């Protein structure tokens, strides 16, 4: 039984190392995500973006649009809509925002095919 305590210590050390490794990998993944988000925000309106990024940026724009459409549909079921200018929530049949005075446009309900 001389191997028992040493094996347990090695096992505990391996688990500790695996935990540290996971924390570092998670931090790396988070930083990559943040970098991608920064790149997207900085380049989403850049018409001369490199071709290797253009398709991904265009897809993200479509996904953002579809999120807006789904949110509009959800609000509509509650008899509400959102001001495109300031984000204020209003009754669905409003013509103007009662917070910023913006003339409201028709609510988009058509999804974009990705």
C-alpha atoms as a PDB file:
ATOM      1  CA  UNK A   1       0.000   0.000   0.000  1.00  0.00           C
ATOM      2  CA  UNK A   2       2.968   2.306  -0.311  1.00  0.00           C
ATOM      3  CA  UNK A   3       1.663   3.461  -3.695  1.00  0.00           C
ATOM      4  CA  UNK A   4      -1.736   4.687  -2.391  1.00  0.00           C
ATOM      5  CA  UNK A   5      -0.856   8.086  -0.895  1.00  0.00           C
ATOM      6  CA  UNK A   6       1.609   8.952  -3.677  1.00  0.00           C
ATOM      7  CA  UNK A   7      -0.922   7.964  -6.362  1.00  0.00           C
ATOM      8  CA  UNK A   8      -3.571  10.113  -4.649  1.00  0.00           C
ATOM      9  CA  UNK A   9      -1.162  13.080  -4.541  1.00  0.00           C
ATOM     10  CA  UNK A  10      -0.337  12.669  -8.249  1.00  0.00           C
ATOM     11  CA  UNK A  11      -4.037  12.367  -9.063  1.00  0.00           C
ATOM     12  CA  UNK A  12      -4.806  15.546  -7.112  1.00  0.00           C
ATOM     13  CA  UNK A  13      -1.952  17.368  -8.858  1.00  0.00           C
ATOM     14  CA  UNK A  14      -3.215  16.218 -12.285  1.00  0.00           C
ATOM     15  CA  UNK A  15      -6.715  17.466 -11.439  1.00  0.00           C
ATOM     16  CA  UNK A  16      -5.279  20.789 -10.298  1.00  0.00           C
ATOM     17  CA  UNK A  17      -3.284  21.118 -13.523  1.00  0.00           C
ATOM     18  CA  UNK A  18      -6.343  20.174 -15.621  1.00  0.00           C
ATOM     19  CA  UNK A  19      -8.376  22.856 -13.812  1.00  0.00           C
ATOM     20  CA  UNK A  20      -5.674  25.462 -14.453  1.00  0.00           C
ATOM     21  CA  UNK A  21      -5.448  24.397 -18.090  1.00  0.00           C
ATOM     22  CA  UNK A  22      -9.228  24.719 -18.506  1.00  0.00           C
ATOM     23  CA  UNK A  23      -9.170  28.187 -16.939  1.00  0.00           C
ATOM     24  CA  UNK A  24      -6.424  29.311 -19.343  1.00  0.00           C
ATOM     25  CA  UNK A  25      -8.218  27.770 -22.352  1.00  0.00           C
ATOM     26  CA  UNK A  26     -11.498  29.445 -21.315  1.00  0.00           C
ATOM     27  CA  UNK A  27      -9.715  32.799 -20.909  1.00  0.00           C
ATOM     28  CA  UNK A  28      -8.152  32.364 -24.370  1.00  0.00           C
ATOM     29  CA  UNK A  29     -11.540  31.535 -25.916  1.00  0.00           C
ATOM     30  CA  UNK A  30     -13.077  34.578 -24.228  1.00  0.00           C
ATOM     31  CA  UNK A  31     -10.307  36.853 -25.533  1.00  0.00           C
ATOM     32  CA  UNK A  32     -10.747  35.491 -29.080  1.00  0.00           C
ATOM     33  CA  UNK A  33     -14.483  36.175 -28.809  1.00  0.00           C
ATOM     34  CA  UNK A  34     -13.814  39.731 -27.591  1.00  0.00           C
ATOM     35  CA  UNK A  35     -11.310  40.306 -30.395  1.00  0.00           C
ATOM     36  CA  UNK A  36     -13.825  39.078 -32.968  1.00  0.00           C
ATOM     37  CA  UNK A  37     -16.520  41.292 -31.513  1.00  0.00           C
ATOM     38  CA  UNK A  38     -14.201  44.327 -31.612  1.00  0.00           C
ATOM     39  CA  UNK A  39     -13.198  43.548 -35.201  1.00  0.00           C
ATOM     40  CA  UNK A  40     -16.826  43.163 -36.241  1.00  0.00           C
ATOM     41  CA  UNK A  41     -17.932  46.409 -34.570  1.00  0.00           C
ATOM     42  CA  UNK A  42     -15.004  48.256 -36.172  1.00  0.00           C
ATOM     43  CA  UNK A  43     -15.587  46.843 -39.653  1.00  0.00           C
ATOM     44  CA  UNK A  44     -19.301  46.083 -40.076  1.00  0.00           C
ATOM     45  CA  UNK A  45     -19.803  49.200 -42.218  1.00  0.00           C
ATOM     46  CA  UNK A  46     -16.453  48.911 -44.011  1.00  0.00           C
ATOM     47  CA  UNK A  47     -17.218  48.197 -47.673  1.00  0.00           C
ATOM     48  CA  UNK A  48     -13.561  47.468 -48.452  1.00  0.00           C
ATOM     49  CA  UNK A  49     -13.192  44.735 -45.841  1.00  0.00           C
ATOM     50  CA  UNK A  50     -10.938  41.838 -46.832  1.00  0.00           C
ATOM     51  CA  UNK A  51     -12.793  39.071 -48.658  1.00  0.00           C
ATOM     52  CA  UNK A  52     -11.792  36.500 -46.024  1.00  0.00           C
ATOM     53  CA  UNK A  53     -13.889  38.433 -43.468  1.00  0.00           C
ATOM     54  CA  UNK A  54     -16.661  39.837 -45.675  1.00  0.00           C
ATOM     55  CA  UNK A  55     -18.857  36.719 -45.745  1.00  0.00           C
ATOM     56  CA  UNK A  56     -18.716  36.324 -41.964  1.00  0.00           C
ATOM     57  CA  UNK A  57     -19.416  40.031 -41.358  1.00  0.00           C
ATOM     58  CA  UNK A  58     -22.369  39.922 -43.784  1.00  0.00           C
ATOM     59  CA  UNK A  59     -23.745  36.817 -42.044  1.00  0.00           C
ATOM     60  CA  UNK A  60     -23.482  38.494 -38.631  1.00  0.00           C
ATOM     61  CA  UNK A  61     -25.340  41.527 -40.002  1.00  0.00           C
ATOM     62  CA  UNK A  62     -28.130  39.247 -41.240  1.00  0.00           C
ATOM     63  CA  UNK A  63     -28.273  37.478 -37.877  1.00  0.00           C
ATOM     64  CA  UNK A  64     -28.503  40.838 -36.077  1.00  0.00           C
ATOM     65  CA  UNK A  65     -31.341  41.842 -38.396  1.00  0.00           C
ATOM     66  CA  UNK A  66     -33.182  38.562 -37.767  1.00  0.00           C
ATOM     67  CA  UNK A  67     -32.778  39.081 -33.994  1.00  0.00           C
ATOM     68  CA  UNK A  68     -34.422  42.470 -34.420  1.00  0.00           C
ATOM     69  CA  UNK A  69     -37.291  40.902 -36.409  1.00  0.00           C
ATOM     70  CA  UNK A  70     -37.866  38.202 -33.764  1.00  0.00           C
ATOM     71  CA  UNK A  71     -37.779  40.831 -31.015  1.00  0.00           C
ATOM     72  CA  UNK A  72     -40.318  42.910 -32.978  1.00  0.00           C
ATOM     73  CA  UNK A  73     -42.568  39.846 -33.291  1.00  0.00           C
ATOM     74  CA  UNK A  74     -42.297  39.179 -29.555  1.00  0.00           C
ATOM     75  CA  UNK A  75     -43.144  42.783 -28.691  1.00  0.00           C
ATOM     76  CA  UNK A  76     -46.055  42.759 -31.147  1.00  0.00           C
ATOM     77  CA  UNK A  77     -47.616  39.778 -29.353  1.00  0.00           C
ATOM     78  CA  UNK A  78     -47.566  41.994 -26.253  1.00  0.00           C
ATOM     79  CA  UNK A  79     -49.092  44.941 -28.136  1.00  0.00           C
ATOM     80  CA  UNK A  80     -45.779  46.813 -28.070  1.00  0.00           C
ATOM     81  CA  UNK A  81     -43.017  48.035 -30.349  1.00  0.00           C
ATOM     82  CA  UNK A  82     -39.607  49.636 -29.910  1.00  0.00           C
ATOM     83  CA  UNK A  83     -38.453  53.049 -31.098  1.00  0.00           C
ATOM     84  CA  UNK A  84     -35.676  52.548 -33.654  1.00  0.00           C
ATOM     85  CA  UNK A  85     -34.046  55.788 -32.526  1.00  0.00           C
ATOM     86  CA  UNK A  86     -33.882  55.568 -28.712  1.00  0.00           C
ATOM     87  CA  UNK A  87     -35.035  52.032 -27.840  1.00  0.00           C
ATOM     88  CA  UNK A  88     -38.081  53.170 -25.857  1.00  0.00           C
ATOM     89  CA  UNK A  89     -40.922  50.615 -25.646  1.00  0.00           C
ATOM     90  CA  UNK A  90     -44.241  51.962 -26.937  1.00  0.00           C
ATOM     91  CA  UNK A  91     -47.765  50.795 -27.738  1.00  0.00           C
ATOM     92  CA  UNK A  92     -47.724  48.993 -31.106  1.00  0.00           C
ATOM     93  CA  UNK A  93     -49.988  51.481 -32.883  1.00  0.00           C
ATOM     94  CA  UNK A  94     -47.828  54.514 -31.980  1.00  0.00           C
ATOM     95  CA  UNK A  95     -46.777  56.841 -34.806  1.00  0.00           C
ATOM     96  CA  UNK A  96     -44.222  58.829 -32.830  1.00  0.00           C
ATOM     97  CA  UNK A  97     -41.973  58.001 -29.887  1.00  0.00           C
ATOM     98  CA  UNK A  98     -43.235  59.665 -26.709  1.00  0.00           C
ATOM     99  CA  UNK A  99     -39.655  59.865 -25.397  1.00  0.00           C
ATOM    100  CA  UNK A 100     -37.581  61.260 -28.292  1.00  0.00           C
ATOM    101  CA  UNK A 101     -40.291  62.343 -30.795  1.00  0.00           C
ATOM    102  CA  UNK A 102     -38.928  60.107 -33.594  1.00  0.00           C
ATOM    103  CA  UNK A 103     -41.444  59.349 -36.392  1.00  0.00           C
ATOM    104  CA  UNK A 104     -41.771  55.582 -36.248  1.00  0.00           C
ATOM    105  CA  UNK A 105     -41.370  53.452 -39.362  1.00  0.00           C
ATOM    106  CA  UNK A 106     -43.307  50.301 -40.203  1.00  0.00           C
ATOM    107  CA  UNK A 107     -42.176  47.362 -38.081  1.00  0.00           C
ATOM    108  CA  UNK A 108     -40.146  44.854 -40.083  1.00  0.00           C
ATOM    109  CA  UNK A 109     -41.382  41.287 -39.845  1.00  0.00           C
ATOM    110  CA  UNK A 110     -39.550  39.650 -42.761  1.00  0.00           C
ATOM    111  CA  UNK A 111     -36.598  37.445 -41.876  1.00  0.00           C
ATOM    112  CA  UNK A 112     -33.449  37.451 -44.010  1.00  0.00           C
ATOM    113  CA  UNK A 113     -32.342  34.108 -45.436  1.00  0.00           C
ATOM    114  CA  UNK A 114     -28.836  33.206 -44.346  1.00  0.00           C
END
